[in-house]
Each structure stands twice: as C-alpha cells, then as structure tokens.
Amino acid sequence: MKRRGSAIWKGALREGRGLLSTESKTLSDASYGFSSRFESGSGTNPEELIAAAHAGCFSMALAAELGKAGLQPEEISTHATVTLDKTDEGWRITEIRLDTRGRVPNTTPEAFQQAAETAKVNCPVSVLLKAPVTMTATLE
C-alpha cells in the first residue's frame, strides 16, 4: 500500500511559500512557509503534520492492542508534540511526546499502560521516526 503527498515550494527560504497536498485531497494546497514553521505565522508546517499523523497512527494501534486483549475502547484521545530544535547539525526533530487518554470499560490502568507501551513501539509512524518517543497513558 502506498500513500502520496506532495509539496510545491517557490522562492527563497525566508520569503518563499509552499503548498502541501495529500492524495486524498484532505489537504489541498495547504499553505506553509518559514513563518508558520519557525515563528508564529499562519499556515501549517511539516512538524504539526507529523504530530497529527503520529497521534492518529498511535490511537489506532492502541485500539488494536486493546482489541487483542478483548477490550473495546469507547474513546482514545492522543495529542502528539513534536519538538524541533536547532542543533550543531542543523534543525532536528529531537523528541516526540504522546499524551493519550482512553475510556475503556472493564480494564485496569496497568492493562491500559501495557497496551499503550506495545502500541508506542509497534505503531508504523513510531517505527519510522528516529526521535525518542515519550508518552503518558491515562485510563479515565
């Protein structure tokens, strides 16, 4: 299975602008640029898209792990925070933090935590990314 995304960039780094699109057209010519990435300008940026993709992938992976244990989640809410830092080698994603909360009947905090840890390790986006991934998992 292959999924596609595309980007168009016009101009120099600081003054230029870009457009991001996804194959599904969920994103279609979404604007991004230097100010939306490194300052507080309008538009999206690659890091927030990675964060959203990781949160979505992880939530589905956690639902799968809970399902393997015979548990049916009512809701899983995950927020991912991608940290972009200037290092000696240049700009790098240095950390990704997942904060997830779940409403899962008939389970314990320990079972939820174990399912979350397994999902964190096996989520395809976690596997792809090299930055350390930290997490909190809270059963409501």
C-alpha atoms as a PDB file:
ATOM      1  CA  MET A   1       0.000   0.000   0.000  1.00  0.00           C
ATOM      2  CA  LYS A   2       1.385   3.383  -0.967  1.00  0.00           C
ATOM      3  CA  ARG A   3       0.140   6.799   0.053  1.00  0.00           C
ATOM      4  CA  ARG A   4       1.221  10.020  -1.587  1.00  0.00           C
ATOM      5  CA  GLY A   5       1.697  13.600  -0.522  1.00  0.00           C
ATOM      6  CA  SER A   6       3.157  16.472  -2.453  1.00  0.00           C
ATOM      7  CA  ALA A   7       4.776  19.828  -1.836  1.00  0.00           C
ATOM      8  CA  ILE A   8       5.499  22.811  -4.024  1.00  0.00           C
ATOM      9  CA  TRP A   9       7.952  25.446  -2.804  1.00  0.00           C
ATOM     10  CA  LYS A  10       8.505  28.787  -4.515  1.00  0.00           C
ATOM     11  CA  GLY A  11      11.200  31.255  -3.585  1.00  0.00           C
ATOM     12  CA  ALA A  12      13.970  31.553  -1.037  1.00  0.00           C
ATOM     13  CA  LEU A  13      13.727  30.032   2.430  1.00  0.00           C
ATOM     14  CA  ARG A  14      12.549  33.077   4.423  1.00  0.00           C
ATOM     15  CA  GLU A  15      10.443  34.810   1.774  1.00  0.00           C
ATOM     16  CA  GLY A  16       9.190  31.762  -0.081  1.00  0.00           C
ATOM     17  CA  ARG A  17       5.873  29.966   0.312  1.00  0.00           C
ATOM     18  CA  GLY A  18       4.848  26.403  -0.192  1.00  0.00           C
ATOM     19  CA  LEU A  19       1.744  24.322  -0.713  1.00  0.00           C
ATOM     20  CA  LEU A  20       1.142  20.841   0.686  1.00  0.00           C
ATOM     21  CA  SER A  21      -1.400  18.364  -0.645  1.00  0.00           C
ATOM     22  CA  THR A  22      -2.393  14.794   0.097  1.00  0.00           C
ATOM     23  CA  GLU A  23      -3.525  12.171  -2.351  1.00  0.00           C
ATOM     24  CA  SER A  24      -6.939  12.002  -0.643  1.00  0.00           C
ATOM     25  CA  LYS A  25      -7.304  15.795  -1.063  1.00  0.00           C
ATOM     26  CA  THR A  26      -7.950  16.143   2.674  1.00  0.00           C
ATOM     27  CA  LEU A  27      -5.128  18.653   2.414  1.00  0.00           C
ATOM     28  CA  SER A  28      -5.241  20.512  -0.850  1.00  0.00           C
ATOM     29  CA  ASP A  29      -2.756  23.292  -1.368  1.00  0.00           C
ATOM     30  CA  ALA A  30      -2.362  23.940   2.369  1.00  0.00           C
ATOM     31  CA  SER A  31      -0.036  26.903   2.787  1.00  0.00           C
ATOM     32  CA  TYR A  32       3.252  26.646   4.666  1.00  0.00           C
ATOM     33  CA  GLY A  33       6.338  28.796   4.954  1.00  0.00           C
ATOM     34  CA  PHE A  34       9.194  29.955   7.127  1.00  0.00           C
ATOM     35  CA  SER A  35       6.958  31.966   9.466  1.00  0.00           C
ATOM     36  CA  SER A  36       4.480  29.092  10.022  1.00  0.00           C
ATOM     37  CA  ARG A  37       7.360  26.727  10.714  1.00  0.00           C
ATOM     38  CA  PHE A  38       9.814  28.758  12.773  1.00  0.00           C
ATOM     39  CA  GLU A  39       7.749  31.700  14.018  1.00  0.00           C
ATOM     40  CA  SER A  40       4.027  32.202  14.650  1.00  0.00           C
ATOM     41  CA  GLY A  41       2.768  32.830  11.131  1.00  0.00           C
ATOM     42  CA  SER A  42      -0.366  31.373   9.598  1.00  0.00           C
ATOM     43  CA  GLY A  43      -0.351  28.092   7.719  1.00  0.00           C
ATOM     44  CA  THR A  44       0.751  24.605   8.575  1.00  0.00           C
ATOM     45  CA  ASN A  45       4.206  23.064   8.835  1.00  0.00           C
ATOM     46  CA  PRO A  46       5.736  19.611   8.425  1.00  0.00           C
ATOM     47  CA  GLU A  47       6.161  19.087  12.168  1.00  0.00           C
ATOM     48  CA  GLU A  48       2.498  19.614  13.045  1.00  0.00           C
ATOM     49  CA  LEU A  49       1.546  17.252  10.218  1.00  0.00           C
ATOM     50  CA  ILE A  50       3.944  14.634  11.619  1.00  0.00           C
ATOM     51  CA  ALA A  51       2.389  15.188  15.064  1.00  0.00           C
ATOM     52  CA  ALA A  52      -1.139  14.686  13.717  1.00  0.00           C
ATOM     53  CA  ALA A  53      -0.098  11.605  11.744  1.00  0.00           C
ATOM     54  CA  HIS A  54       1.644  10.103  14.777  1.00  0.00           C
ATOM     55  CA  ALA A  55      -1.319  10.800  17.077  1.00  0.00           C
ATOM     56  CA  GLY A  56      -3.706   9.177  14.597  1.00  0.00           C
ATOM     57  CA  CYS A  57      -1.498   6.158  13.957  1.00  0.00           C
ATOM     58  CA  PHE A  58      -0.844   5.616  17.657  1.00  0.00           C
ATOM     59  CA  SER A  59      -4.550   5.864  18.565  1.00  0.00           C
ATOM     60  CA  MET A  60      -5.409   3.189  16.000  1.00  0.00           C
ATOM     61  CA  ALA A  61      -2.510   0.992  17.153  1.00  0.00           C
ATOM     62  CA  LEU A  62      -3.708   1.307  20.763  1.00  0.00           C
ATOM     63  CA  ALA A  63      -7.254   0.353  19.747  1.00  0.00           C
ATOM     64  CA  ALA A  64      -5.789  -2.714  18.013  1.00  0.00           C
ATOM     65  CA  GLU A  65      -3.764  -3.695  21.094  1.00  0.00           C
ATOM     66  CA  LEU A  66      -6.790  -3.300  23.343  1.00  0.00           C
ATOM     67  CA  GLY A  67      -8.823  -5.386  20.904  1.00  0.00           C
ATOM     68  CA  LYS A  68      -6.233  -8.186  21.088  1.00  0.00           C
ATOM     69  CA  ALA A  69      -6.841  -8.205  24.850  1.00  0.00           C
ATOM     70  CA  GLY A  70     -10.594  -8.487  24.299  1.00  0.00           C
ATOM     71  CA  LEU A  71     -11.209  -4.858  25.272  1.00  0.00           C
ATOM     72  CA  GLN A  72     -13.341  -2.345  23.382  1.00  0.00           C
ATOM     73  CA  PRO A  73     -12.337   1.290  23.835  1.00  0.00           C
ATOM     74  CA  GLU A  74     -15.108   3.865  23.924  1.00  0.00           C
ATOM     75  CA  GLU A  75     -12.659   6.647  23.090  1.00  0.00           C
ATOM     76  CA  ILE A  76      -8.933   7.192  22.701  1.00  0.00           C
ATOM     77  CA  SER A  77      -7.649  10.770  22.561  1.00  0.00           C
ATOM     78  CA  THR A  78      -3.989  11.312  21.721  1.00  0.00           C
ATOM     79  CA  HIS A  79      -2.005  14.525  21.447  1.00  0.00           C
ATOM     80  CA  ALA A  80       1.471  14.387  19.918  1.00  0.00           C
ATOM     81  CA  THR A  81       4.028  17.118  20.475  1.00  0.00           C
ATOM     82  CA  VAL A  82       6.947  17.275  18.039  1.00  0.00           C
ATOM     83  CA  THR A  83       9.965  19.243  19.260  1.00  0.00           C
ATOM     84  CA  LEU A  84      12.058  20.921  16.572  1.00  0.00           C
ATOM     85  CA  ASP A  85      15.422  22.192  17.863  1.00  0.00           C
ATOM     86  CA  LYS A  86      18.434  23.887  16.328  1.00  0.00           C
ATOM     87  CA  THR A  87      21.423  21.585  16.909  1.00  0.00           C
ATOM     88  CA  ASP A  88      25.057  21.647  15.810  1.00  0.00           C
ATOM     89  CA  GLU A  89      23.994  19.579  12.784  1.00  0.00           C
ATOM     90  CA  GLY A  90      21.091  21.894  11.911  1.00  0.00           C
ATOM     91  CA  TRP A  91      17.356  21.744  12.636  1.00  0.00           C
ATOM     92  CA  ARG A  92      16.327  18.343  14.009  1.00  0.00           C
ATOM     93  CA  ILE A  93      13.228  16.760  15.486  1.00  0.00           C
ATOM     94  CA  THR A  94      14.643  15.904  18.888  1.00  0.00           C
ATOM     95  CA  GLU A  95      11.594  14.485  20.641  1.00  0.00           C
ATOM     96  CA  ILE A  96       8.055  13.371  20.112  1.00  0.00           C
ATOM     97  CA  ARG A  97       5.747  13.188  23.109  1.00  0.00           C
ATOM     98  CA  LEU A  98       2.491  11.269  23.036  1.00  0.00           C
ATOM     99  CA  ASP A  99      -0.159  12.030  25.649  1.00  0.00           C
ATOM    100  CA  THR A 100      -3.069   9.644  25.387  1.00  0.00           C
ATOM    101  CA  ARG A 101      -6.247   9.209  27.364  1.00  0.00           C
ATOM    102  CA  GLY A 102      -8.675   6.393  26.977  1.00  0.00           C
ATOM    103  CA  ARG A 103     -12.095   5.359  28.149  1.00  0.00           C
ATOM    104  CA  VAL A 104     -12.010   1.585  28.158  1.00  0.00           C
ATOM    105  CA  PRO A 105     -14.597  -0.352  30.170  1.00  0.00           C
ATOM    106  CA  ASN A 106     -13.537  -3.410  32.152  1.00  0.00           C
ATOM    107  CA  THR A 107      -9.813  -2.723  32.221  1.00  0.00           C
ATOM    108  CA  THR A 108      -7.190  -1.572  34.668  1.00  0.00           C
ATOM    109  CA  PRO A 109      -4.650   1.255  34.458  1.00  0.00           C
ATOM    110  CA  GLU A 110      -1.904  -1.392  34.279  1.00  0.00           C
ATOM    111  CA  ALA A 111      -3.504  -3.203  31.333  1.00  0.00           C
ATOM    112  CA  PHE A 112      -4.109   0.116  29.563  1.00  0.00           C
ATOM    113  CA  GLN A 113      -0.492   1.178  30.137  1.00  0.00           C
ATOM    114  CA  GLN A 114       0.811  -2.153  28.781  1.00  0.00           C
ATOM    115  CA  ALA A 115      -1.347  -1.873  25.661  1.00  0.00           C
ATOM    116  CA  ALA A 116      -0.159   1.728  25.194  1.00  0.00           C
ATOM    117  CA  GLU A 117       3.511   0.748  25.524  1.00  0.00           C
ATOM    118  CA  THR A 118       3.091  -2.008  22.935  1.00  0.00           C
ATOM    119  CA  ALA A 119       1.257   0.388  20.598  1.00  0.00           C
ATOM    120  CA  LYS A 120       4.013   3.003  21.016  1.00  0.00           C
ATOM    121  CA  VAL A 121       6.676   0.506  19.946  1.00  0.00           C
ATOM    122  CA  ASN A 122       4.687  -1.014  17.075  1.00  0.00           C
ATOM    123  CA  CYS A 123       2.823   1.961  15.598  1.00  0.00           C
ATOM    124  CA  PRO A 124       4.135   2.273  12.000  1.00  0.00           C
ATOM    125  CA  VAL A 125       4.796   6.000  12.436  1.00  0.00           C
ATOM    126  CA  SER A 126       6.731   5.356  15.688  1.00  0.00           C
ATOM    127  CA  VAL A 127       8.800   2.749  13.863  1.00  0.00           C
ATOM    128  CA  LEU A 128       9.561   5.218  11.073  1.00  0.00           C
ATOM    129  CA  LEU A 129      10.643   8.118  13.271  1.00  0.00           C
ATOM    130  CA  LYS A 130      14.082   8.050  14.883  1.00  0.00           C
ATOM    131  CA  ALA A 131      13.448  10.671  17.568  1.00  0.00           C
ATOM    132  CA  PRO A 132      12.839   9.375  21.098  1.00  0.00           C
ATOM    133  CA  VAL A 133       9.124   8.959  21.686  1.00  0.00           C
ATOM    134  CA  THR A 134       7.918   9.592  25.249  1.00  0.00           C
ATOM    135  CA  MET A 135       4.361   9.036  26.396  1.00  0.00           C
ATOM    136  CA  THR A 136       1.779   9.263  29.148  1.00  0.00           C
ATOM    137  CA  ALA A 137      -1.241   6.972  29.109  1.00  0.00           C
ATOM    138  CA  THR A 138      -4.231   7.711  31.357  1.00  0.00           C
ATOM    139  CA  LEU A 139      -7.261   5.493  31.785  1.00  0.00           C
ATOM    140  CA  GLU A 140     -10.356   7.570  32.554  1.00  0.00           C
END
